Amino acid sequence: MAPAAKPKPSLRFQYPDALHKKLLSALKAVEGADDPTAHREVLAQVVVALTDTGLDAYFLEPLKQAKAGFLVQQSANLGLHGARQVMGSVIRNILGRMDGPQLLSVCGSIRRFMGVDPVA
């Protein structure tokens, strides 16, 4: 029997319970649907929300904790606002063009990020 693979380094962030409930609902809708493409938009909305929350956790919150100053924080907020708009549009566009198996693959990836085995 081969030795267990050493876990790779990872980072994680916490997100609100309400977003977690929406995420689980979206995953269940896509994974349980006869036609997963019917739930593209709800999945895209959740992925955009997770992306926004991650940007806050990994970038904006550390600036606040470092007491980077009002102008620095405002500059960061302004810069990220534009980035979020572009990223949100890209995410919705890409997920909006995926077929059922591709959407299920995205759901599986999200579940792995959550530390949960994807639905078989």
C-alpha atoms as a PDB file:
ATOM      1  CA  MET A   1       0.000   0.000   0.000  1.00  0.00           C
ATOM      2  CA  ALA A   2       1.372   3.406  -0.979  1.00  0.00           C
ATOM      3  CA  PRO A   3       1.972   5.959   1.773  1.00  0.00           C
ATOM      4  CA  ALA A   4      -0.648   8.662   2.136  1.00  0.00           C
ATOM      5  CA  ALA A   5       0.119  11.808   0.191  1.00  0.00           C
ATOM      6  CA  LYS A   6       1.347  14.685   2.297  1.00  0.00           C
ATOM      7  CA  PRO A   7      -1.264  17.457   2.348  1.00  0.00           C
ATOM      8  CA  LYS A   8      -0.321  20.467   0.250  1.00  0.00           C
ATOM      9  CA  PRO A   9      -0.187  23.904   1.851  1.00  0.00           C
ATOM     10  CA  SER A  10      -3.445  25.795   1.716  1.00  0.00           C
ATOM     11  CA  LEU A  11      -5.107  28.987   2.838  1.00  0.00           C
ATOM     12  CA  ARG A  12      -8.669  29.348   3.959  1.00  0.00           C
ATOM     13  CA  PHE A  13     -11.068  32.055   4.931  1.00  0.00           C
ATOM     14  CA  GLN A  14     -14.264  32.143   6.883  1.00  0.00           C
ATOM     15  CA  TYR A  15     -17.465  33.393   5.362  1.00  0.00           C
ATOM     16  CA  PRO A  16     -20.908  34.164   6.773  1.00  0.00           C
ATOM     17  CA  ASP A  17     -23.356  31.392   7.638  1.00  0.00           C
ATOM     18  CA  ALA A  18     -25.942  32.932   5.299  1.00  0.00           C
ATOM     19  CA  LEU A  19     -23.516  32.622   2.372  1.00  0.00           C
ATOM     20  CA  HIS A  20     -22.746  29.040   3.392  1.00  0.00           C
ATOM     21  CA  LYS A  21     -26.450  28.196   3.287  1.00  0.00           C
ATOM     22  CA  LYS A  22     -26.741  29.762  -0.183  1.00  0.00           C
ATOM     23  CA  LEU A  23     -23.681  27.832  -1.316  1.00  0.00           C
ATOM     24  CA  LEU A  24     -25.038  24.510  -0.096  1.00  0.00           C
ATOM     25  CA  SER A  25     -28.397  25.261  -1.695  1.00  0.00           C
ATOM     26  CA  ALA A  26     -26.763  26.105  -5.033  1.00  0.00           C
ATOM     27  CA  LEU A  27     -24.596  22.987  -4.963  1.00  0.00           C
ATOM     28  CA  LYS A  28     -27.600  20.822  -4.133  1.00  0.00           C
ATOM     29  CA  ALA A  29     -29.642  22.427  -6.923  1.00  0.00           C
ATOM     30  CA  VAL A  30     -26.959  21.884  -9.574  1.00  0.00           C
ATOM     31  CA  GLU A  31     -25.966  18.398  -8.410  1.00  0.00           C
ATOM     32  CA  GLY A  32     -29.541  17.197  -8.000  1.00  0.00           C
ATOM     33  CA  ALA A  33     -30.959  18.564 -11.218  1.00  0.00           C
ATOM     34  CA  ASP A  34     -31.813  16.569 -14.298  1.00  0.00           C
ATOM     35  CA  ASP A  35     -30.523  19.630 -16.161  1.00  0.00           C
ATOM     36  CA  PRO A  36     -27.747  21.319 -14.134  1.00  0.00           C
ATOM     37  CA  THR A  37     -27.629  24.187 -16.646  1.00  0.00           C
ATOM     38  CA  ALA A  38     -30.962  25.407 -15.281  1.00  0.00           C
ATOM     39  CA  HIS A  39     -29.059  26.497 -12.161  1.00  0.00           C
ATOM     40  CA  ARG A  40     -26.099  28.261 -13.762  1.00  0.00           C
ATOM     41  CA  GLU A  41     -27.110  31.702 -12.527  1.00  0.00           C
ATOM     42  CA  VAL A  42     -27.558  30.708  -8.884  1.00  0.00           C
ATOM     43  CA  LEU A  43     -24.171  28.979  -8.919  1.00  0.00           C
ATOM     44  CA  ALA A  44     -22.565  32.015 -10.553  1.00  0.00           C
ATOM     45  CA  GLN A  45     -24.075  34.336  -7.941  1.00  0.00           C
ATOM     46  CA  VAL A  46     -22.631  32.246  -5.129  1.00  0.00           C
ATOM     47  CA  VAL A  47     -19.198  31.998  -6.775  1.00  0.00           C
ATOM     48  CA  VAL A  48     -19.150  35.790  -7.191  1.00  0.00           C
ATOM     49  CA  ALA A  49     -20.140  36.248  -3.531  1.00  0.00           C
ATOM     50  CA  LEU A  50     -17.404  33.840  -2.416  1.00  0.00           C
ATOM     51  CA  THR A  51     -14.871  35.684  -4.549  1.00  0.00           C
ATOM     52  CA  ASP A  52     -15.887  39.008  -3.012  1.00  0.00           C
ATOM     53  CA  THR A  53     -15.716  37.566   0.490  1.00  0.00           C
ATOM     54  CA  GLY A  54     -12.302  36.062  -0.216  1.00  0.00           C
ATOM     55  CA  LEU A  55     -10.955  39.385  -1.482  1.00  0.00           C
ATOM     56  CA  ASP A  56     -12.150  41.016   1.715  1.00  0.00           C
ATOM     57  CA  ALA A  57     -10.616  38.301   3.879  1.00  0.00           C
ATOM     58  CA  TYR A  58      -7.268  38.105   2.093  1.00  0.00           C
ATOM     59  CA  PHE A  59      -6.717  41.756   1.256  1.00  0.00           C
ATOM     60  CA  LEU A  60      -8.995  44.337   2.858  1.00  0.00           C
ATOM     61  CA  GLU A  61      -9.160  42.844   6.342  1.00  0.00           C
ATOM     62  CA  PRO A  62      -5.345  42.602   6.655  1.00  0.00           C
ATOM     63  CA  LEU A  63      -5.127  46.280   5.647  1.00  0.00           C
ATOM     64  CA  LYS A  64      -7.543  47.187   8.429  1.00  0.00           C
ATOM     65  CA  GLN A  65      -5.661  45.055  10.931  1.00  0.00           C
ATOM     66  CA  ALA A  66      -2.379  46.656   9.868  1.00  0.00           C
ATOM     67  CA  LYS A  67      -3.975  50.087  10.411  1.00  0.00           C
ATOM     68  CA  ALA A  68      -2.852  51.017   6.918  1.00  0.00           C
ATOM     69  CA  GLY A  69      -4.660  54.333   7.086  1.00  0.00           C
ATOM     70  CA  PHE A  70      -7.837  55.730   5.650  1.00  0.00           C
ATOM     71  CA  LEU A  71      -6.440  56.763   2.267  1.00  0.00           C
ATOM     72  CA  VAL A  72      -4.728  53.421   1.699  1.00  0.00           C
ATOM     73  CA  GLN A  73      -7.895  51.535   2.610  1.00  0.00           C
ATOM     74  CA  GLN A  74     -10.034  53.772   0.390  1.00  0.00           C
ATOM     75  CA  SER A  75      -7.615  53.290  -2.505  1.00  0.00           C
ATOM     76  CA  ALA A  76      -7.767  49.532  -1.991  1.00  0.00           C
ATOM     77  CA  ASN A  77     -11.568  49.612  -1.853  1.00  0.00           C
ATOM     78  CA  LEU A  78     -11.759  51.656  -5.031  1.00  0.00           C
ATOM     79  CA  GLY A  79      -9.327  49.420  -6.888  1.00  0.00           C
ATOM     80  CA  LEU A  80     -11.062  46.253  -5.795  1.00  0.00           C
ATOM     81  CA  HIS A  81     -14.462  47.643  -6.743  1.00  0.00           C
ATOM     82  CA  GLY A  82     -13.423  47.727 -10.395  1.00  0.00           C
ATOM     83  CA  ALA A  83     -11.765  44.322 -10.145  1.00  0.00           C
ATOM     84  CA  ARG A  84     -14.906  42.832  -8.587  1.00  0.00           C
ATOM     85  CA  GLN A  85     -17.080  44.154 -11.392  1.00  0.00           C
ATOM     86  CA  VAL A  86     -14.814  42.635 -14.025  1.00  0.00           C
ATOM     87  CA  MET A  87     -14.393  39.348 -12.162  1.00  0.00           C
ATOM     88  CA  GLY A  88     -18.129  39.067 -11.529  1.00  0.00           C
ATOM     89  CA  SER A  89     -18.866  39.568 -15.203  1.00  0.00           C
ATOM     90  CA  VAL A  90     -16.238  37.010 -16.220  1.00  0.00           C
ATOM     91  CA  ILE A  91     -17.482  34.441 -13.688  1.00  0.00           C
ATOM     92  CA  ARG A  92     -21.113  34.827 -14.763  1.00  0.00           C
ATOM     93  CA  ASN A  93     -20.140  34.677 -18.438  1.00  0.00           C
ATOM     94  CA  ILE A  94     -18.002  31.552 -18.078  1.00  0.00           C
ATOM     95  CA  LEU A  95     -20.380  29.621 -15.826  1.00  0.00           C
ATOM     96  CA  GLY A  96     -23.267  30.755 -18.007  1.00  0.00           C
ATOM     97  CA  ARG A  97     -21.740  28.935 -20.983  1.00  0.00           C
ATOM     98  CA  MET A  98     -20.862  25.676 -19.227  1.00  0.00           C
ATOM     99  CA  ASP A  99     -22.705  22.443 -19.885  1.00  0.00           C
ATOM    100  CA  GLY A 100     -24.009  20.096 -17.204  1.00  0.00           C
ATOM    101  CA  PRO A 101     -20.863  17.983 -16.688  1.00  0.00           C
ATOM    102  CA  GLN A 102     -18.717  21.114 -16.485  1.00  0.00           C
ATOM    103  CA  LEU A 103     -21.003  22.659 -13.868  1.00  0.00           C
ATOM    104  CA  LEU A 104     -20.895  19.434 -11.866  1.00  0.00           C
ATOM    105  CA  SER A 105     -17.099  19.546 -12.043  1.00  0.00           C
ATOM    106  CA  VAL A 106     -17.124  23.110 -10.674  1.00  0.00           C
ATOM    107  CA  CYS A 107     -19.393  21.952  -7.842  1.00  0.00           C
ATOM    108  CA  GLY A 108     -16.966  19.118  -7.086  1.00  0.00           C
ATOM    109  CA  SER A 109     -14.077  21.564  -6.938  1.00  0.00           C
ATOM    110  CA  ILE A 110     -15.982  23.800  -4.541  1.00  0.00           C
ATOM    111  CA  ARG A 111     -16.772  20.811  -2.323  1.00  0.00           C
ATOM    112  CA  ARG A 112     -13.065  19.872  -2.281  1.00  0.00           C
ATOM    113  CA  PHE A 113     -12.220  23.440  -1.259  1.00  0.00           C
ATOM    114  CA  MET A 114     -14.724  22.987   1.560  1.00  0.00           C
ATOM    115  CA  GLY A 115     -12.942  19.779   2.593  1.00  0.00           C
ATOM    116  CA  VAL A 116     -15.915  17.630   1.583  1.00  0.00           C
ATOM    117  CA  ASP A 117     -15.796  14.764  -0.869  1.00  0.00           C
ATOM    118  CA  PRO A 118     -17.776  15.618  -3.987  1.00  0.00           C
ATOM    119  CA  VAL A 119     -21.065  13.881  -4.480  1.00  0.00           C
ATOM    120  CA  ALA A 120     -20.475  10.636  -6.357  1.00  0.00           C
END
